[in-house]
Amino acid sequence: MRKIIGAVFVSLDGVMQAPGGPEEDCSGGFELGGWIWAYSDDVTREAVRGYLLGAPYALLLGRKTYEIFAPYWPQMPPENPIAARFNPTAKYVLSSRDLTPTWHNSHRLPNLDALRKLKATEGPDLLVQGSSTLYPQLLKAGLLDRLIVQTYPVVLGQGKRLFGEGTPPVGLKLVGSVVSTTGVVIATYEPTGHKPQTSTVP
């Protein structure tokens, strides 16, 4: 059985929109794209290399992220290490709408049942990149196995958030963490399978 692993860059207020550049995703009038680079150091770069250039994986993407990635990564030079991983690997797009795959080795998953069947097969783990709309669905369906969150010391005040509308209450356990020299907290979580514990003040 495959695992589904999410890896995200977020601000302190939970925004994950357009971390990589001004033109990455301007939807909703977002004008702050490229907000991660001022905090880049060896620790953050090593964390990204760990999941993007480490063990084999297939990509799991939402439709919007796929539409951003599909015209971009095939145009990158073949010596770009991320392009060298993204372009040949299988890309699965969770979308209820019809999709005409233009990126090599792309496949549409029409619903969560199709994703659940894919997850049950043998093969590389599924790595989620971007795709803010996927996280509420994955958590609600109990399909997310691991979440790597790089939290940057910046408040953006607008934009798409990691845990948006429809996110259920879910308990998580911390399985690893490190802090970069620039104050980026890199934490790895796994769902506990239980709702958050609550109690009254003694």
Protein backbone atom coordinates (compact mmCIF):
# COMPACT_ATOMS: atom_id res chain seq x y z
CA MET A 1 0.00 0.00 0.00
CA ARG A 2 1.23 3.47 -0.86
CA LYS A 3 1.40 6.38 1.57
CA ILE A 4 0.10 9.85 0.84
CA ILE A 5 2.56 12.49 2.01
CA GLY A 6 1.96 16.22 1.93
CA ALA A 7 4.83 18.72 1.95
CA VAL A 8 3.95 22.40 2.22
CA PHE A 9 5.37 25.84 2.80
CA VAL A 10 3.12 27.97 5.03
CA SER A 11 3.20 31.38 6.66
CA LEU A 12 2.50 31.83 10.37
CA ASP A 13 -1.13 32.54 9.51
CA GLY A 14 -1.40 29.35 7.48
CA VAL A 15 -1.17 30.76 3.95
CA MET A 16 0.42 28.45 1.37
CA GLN A 17 -0.33 30.35 -1.84
CA ALA A 18 2.44 31.10 -4.34
CA PRO A 19 5.49 30.54 -2.13
CA GLY A 20 7.86 30.25 -5.08
CA GLY A 21 7.30 33.37 -7.18
CA PRO A 22 5.14 36.41 -7.98
CA GLU A 23 3.49 34.80 -11.01
CA GLU A 24 2.99 31.35 -9.51
CA ASP A 25 -0.64 31.83 -8.43
CA CYS A 26 -2.21 35.30 -8.49
CA SER A 27 -5.79 34.09 -8.07
CA GLY A 28 -7.88 36.10 -5.66
CA GLY A 29 -5.66 39.11 -6.26
CA PHE A 30 -2.74 37.59 -4.34
CA GLU A 31 0.32 39.84 -4.79
CA LEU A 32 2.83 38.40 -2.31
CA GLY A 33 4.17 35.44 -4.28
CA GLY A 34 7.77 34.39 -3.66
CA TRP A 35 7.67 34.89 0.11
CA ILE A 36 9.89 31.91 1.06
CA TRP A 37 13.17 32.95 -0.55
CA ALA A 38 14.28 35.53 2.00
CA TYR A 39 14.40 32.68 4.56
CA SER A 40 16.27 30.10 2.49
CA ASP A 41 19.31 28.46 4.08
CA ASP A 42 21.06 25.09 4.09
CA VAL A 43 18.49 23.64 6.50
CA THR A 44 15.44 24.53 4.38
CA ARG A 45 17.18 23.44 1.19
CA GLU A 46 18.15 20.09 2.72
CA ALA A 47 14.56 19.53 3.90
CA VAL A 48 13.24 20.10 0.37
CA ARG A 49 15.89 17.87 -1.15
CA GLY A 50 14.89 15.16 1.31
CA TYR A 51 11.40 14.71 -0.07
CA LEU A 52 11.78 16.00 -3.64
CA LEU A 53 15.05 14.31 -4.51
CA GLY A 54 15.00 11.33 -2.15
CA ALA A 55 12.94 8.16 -2.51
CA PRO A 56 10.87 7.63 -5.68
CA TYR A 57 7.34 9.03 -5.63
CA ALA A 58 4.35 9.85 -7.81
CA LEU A 59 2.79 13.31 -7.64
CA LEU A 60 -0.72 13.87 -6.33
CA LEU A 61 -2.06 17.26 -7.38
CA GLY A 62 -5.21 19.32 -7.34
CA ARG A 63 -6.43 20.67 -10.66
CA LYS A 64 -5.21 24.25 -10.09
CA THR A 65 -1.70 23.16 -9.11
CA TYR A 66 -1.59 20.81 -12.10
CA GLU A 67 -2.51 23.69 -14.40
CA ILE A 68 0.34 25.74 -12.91
CA PHE A 69 2.91 22.93 -13.07
CA ALA A 70 2.04 21.41 -16.47
CA PRO A 71 3.26 24.29 -18.65
CA TYR A 72 6.18 25.16 -16.37
CA TRP A 73 8.21 22.06 -15.52
CA PRO A 74 8.47 20.57 -19.05
CA GLN A 75 10.14 23.84 -20.13
CA MET A 76 12.85 23.63 -17.49
CA PRO A 77 16.29 22.37 -18.58
CA PRO A 78 16.77 18.62 -18.08
CA GLU A 79 19.65 19.24 -15.67
CA ASN A 80 17.25 20.91 -13.23
CA PRO A 81 17.02 18.24 -10.50
CA ILE A 82 13.36 18.86 -9.66
CA ALA A 83 12.31 18.88 -13.31
CA ALA A 84 14.28 15.66 -13.77
CA ARG A 85 12.07 14.06 -11.08
CA PHE A 86 8.72 15.70 -11.89
CA ASN A 87 8.64 15.28 -15.66
CA PRO A 88 8.95 11.48 -16.00
CA THR A 89 7.11 10.47 -12.83
CA ALA A 90 3.40 9.64 -12.74
CA LYS A 91 1.15 12.61 -12.01
CA TYR A 92 -2.32 11.97 -10.55
CA VAL A 93 -4.80 14.85 -10.63
CA LEU A 94 -7.80 14.66 -8.30
CA SER A 95 -10.51 16.46 -10.24
CA SER A 96 -14.21 15.80 -10.76
CA ARG A 97 -14.08 17.75 -14.02
CA ASP A 98 -12.76 16.39 -17.29
CA LEU A 99 -9.06 16.93 -17.78
CA THR A 100 -7.00 16.80 -20.95
CA PRO A 101 -3.55 15.76 -19.69
CA THR A 102 -0.83 17.69 -21.47
CA TRP A 103 2.03 16.73 -19.17
CA HIS A 104 3.72 13.39 -19.77
CA ASN A 105 2.45 10.50 -17.63
CA SER A 106 -0.54 12.42 -16.21
CA HIS A 107 -3.74 10.71 -15.07
CA ARG A 108 -7.05 12.03 -13.74
CA LEU A 109 -8.63 10.62 -10.58
CA PRO A 110 -12.34 11.51 -10.68
CA ASN A 111 -13.03 11.12 -6.96
CA LEU A 112 -11.70 9.99 -3.59
CA ASP A 113 -12.77 6.39 -4.23
CA ALA A 114 -10.41 6.29 -7.20
CA LEU A 115 -7.64 7.73 -5.03
CA ARG A 116 -8.34 5.17 -2.31
CA LYS A 117 -8.03 2.36 -4.87
CA LEU A 118 -4.75 3.81 -6.17
CA LYS A 119 -3.41 4.12 -2.63
CA ALA A 120 -4.13 0.42 -2.04
CA THR A 121 -1.93 -0.62 -4.95
CA GLU A 122 1.76 -1.36 -4.94
CA GLY A 123 3.98 1.48 -6.09
CA PRO A 124 5.77 4.60 -4.95
CA ASP A 125 4.23 6.87 -2.35
CA LEU A 126 2.07 9.79 -3.48
CA LEU A 127 3.58 13.23 -2.77
CA VAL A 128 1.24 16.22 -2.62
CA GLN A 129 2.68 19.53 -3.80
CA GLY A 130 0.69 22.75 -3.52
CA SER A 131 -2.97 21.78 -3.91
CA SER A 132 -4.54 23.52 -0.91
CA THR A 133 -7.99 22.12 -1.73
CA LEU A 134 -6.80 18.54 -1.27
CA TYR A 135 -5.95 18.69 2.43
CA PRO A 136 -9.48 19.03 3.86
CA GLN A 137 -10.59 16.14 1.62
CA LEU A 138 -7.65 13.91 2.48
CA LEU A 139 -8.02 14.48 6.22
CA LYS A 140 -11.77 13.95 6.17
CA ALA A 141 -11.33 10.69 4.26
CA GLY A 142 -8.47 9.51 6.49
CA LEU A 143 -6.14 9.21 3.51
CA LEU A 144 -3.25 11.47 4.57
CA ASP A 145 -0.39 9.52 6.16
CA ARG A 146 2.21 12.21 6.75
CA LEU A 147 2.44 16.01 6.58
CA ILE A 148 5.70 17.95 6.36
CA VAL A 149 5.09 21.61 7.21
CA GLN A 150 7.73 24.30 6.71
CA THR A 151 6.42 27.30 8.65
CA TYR A 152 8.01 30.62 7.74
CA PRO A 153 8.23 33.57 10.17
CA VAL A 154 6.01 35.84 8.12
CA VAL A 155 2.33 36.85 8.28
CA LEU A 156 0.71 37.34 4.89
CA GLY A 157 -2.84 38.21 5.88
CA GLN A 158 -4.38 36.90 2.65
CA GLY A 159 -4.28 33.92 0.33
CA LYS A 160 -5.15 30.25 0.19
CA ARG A 161 -4.67 28.45 3.47
CA LEU A 162 -3.47 24.97 4.24
CA PHE A 163 -6.54 24.02 6.26
CA GLY A 164 -9.41 25.75 4.50
CA GLU A 165 -13.14 25.28 4.45
CA GLY A 166 -14.28 21.74 5.16
CA THR A 167 -11.26 20.71 7.25
CA PRO A 168 -12.37 18.25 9.96
CA PRO A 169 -10.98 18.12 13.51
CA VAL A 170 -8.02 15.74 13.42
CA GLY A 171 -5.37 14.86 15.99
CA LEU A 172 -1.75 14.82 14.84
CA LYS A 173 1.47 13.64 16.43
CA LEU A 174 4.85 15.23 15.88
CA VAL A 175 7.40 12.73 14.55
CA GLY A 176 10.26 15.06 13.69
CA SER A 177 11.27 18.71 13.76
CA VAL A 178 14.13 21.09 13.07
CA VAL A 179 14.52 24.88 13.04
CA SER A 180 16.51 26.64 10.34
CA THR A 181 19.00 29.45 10.95
CA THR A 182 16.40 31.87 9.53
CA GLY A 183 13.62 30.79 11.89
CA VAL A 184 11.77 28.36 9.62
CA VAL A 185 10.21 25.56 11.67
CA ILE A 186 10.18 22.28 9.74
CA ALA A 187 7.86 19.80 11.43
CA THR A 188 6.66 16.38 10.34
CA TYR A 189 3.30 15.12 11.58
CA GLU A 190 1.28 11.95 11.27
CA PRO A 191 -2.48 11.73 11.96
CA THR A 192 -3.37 9.84 15.12
CA GLY A 193 -6.71 8.65 13.79
CA HIS A 194 -8.52 10.39 16.66
CA LYS A 195 -10.19 13.76 17.11
CA PRO A 196 -8.35 16.33 19.24
CA GLN A 197 -8.68 15.72 22.96
CA THR A 198 -10.63 18.33 24.88
CA SER A 199 -11.04 18.94 28.58
CA THR A 200 -12.33 21.54 31.01
CA VAL A 201 -10.01 23.74 33.03
CA PRO A 202 -9.49 22.07 36.43
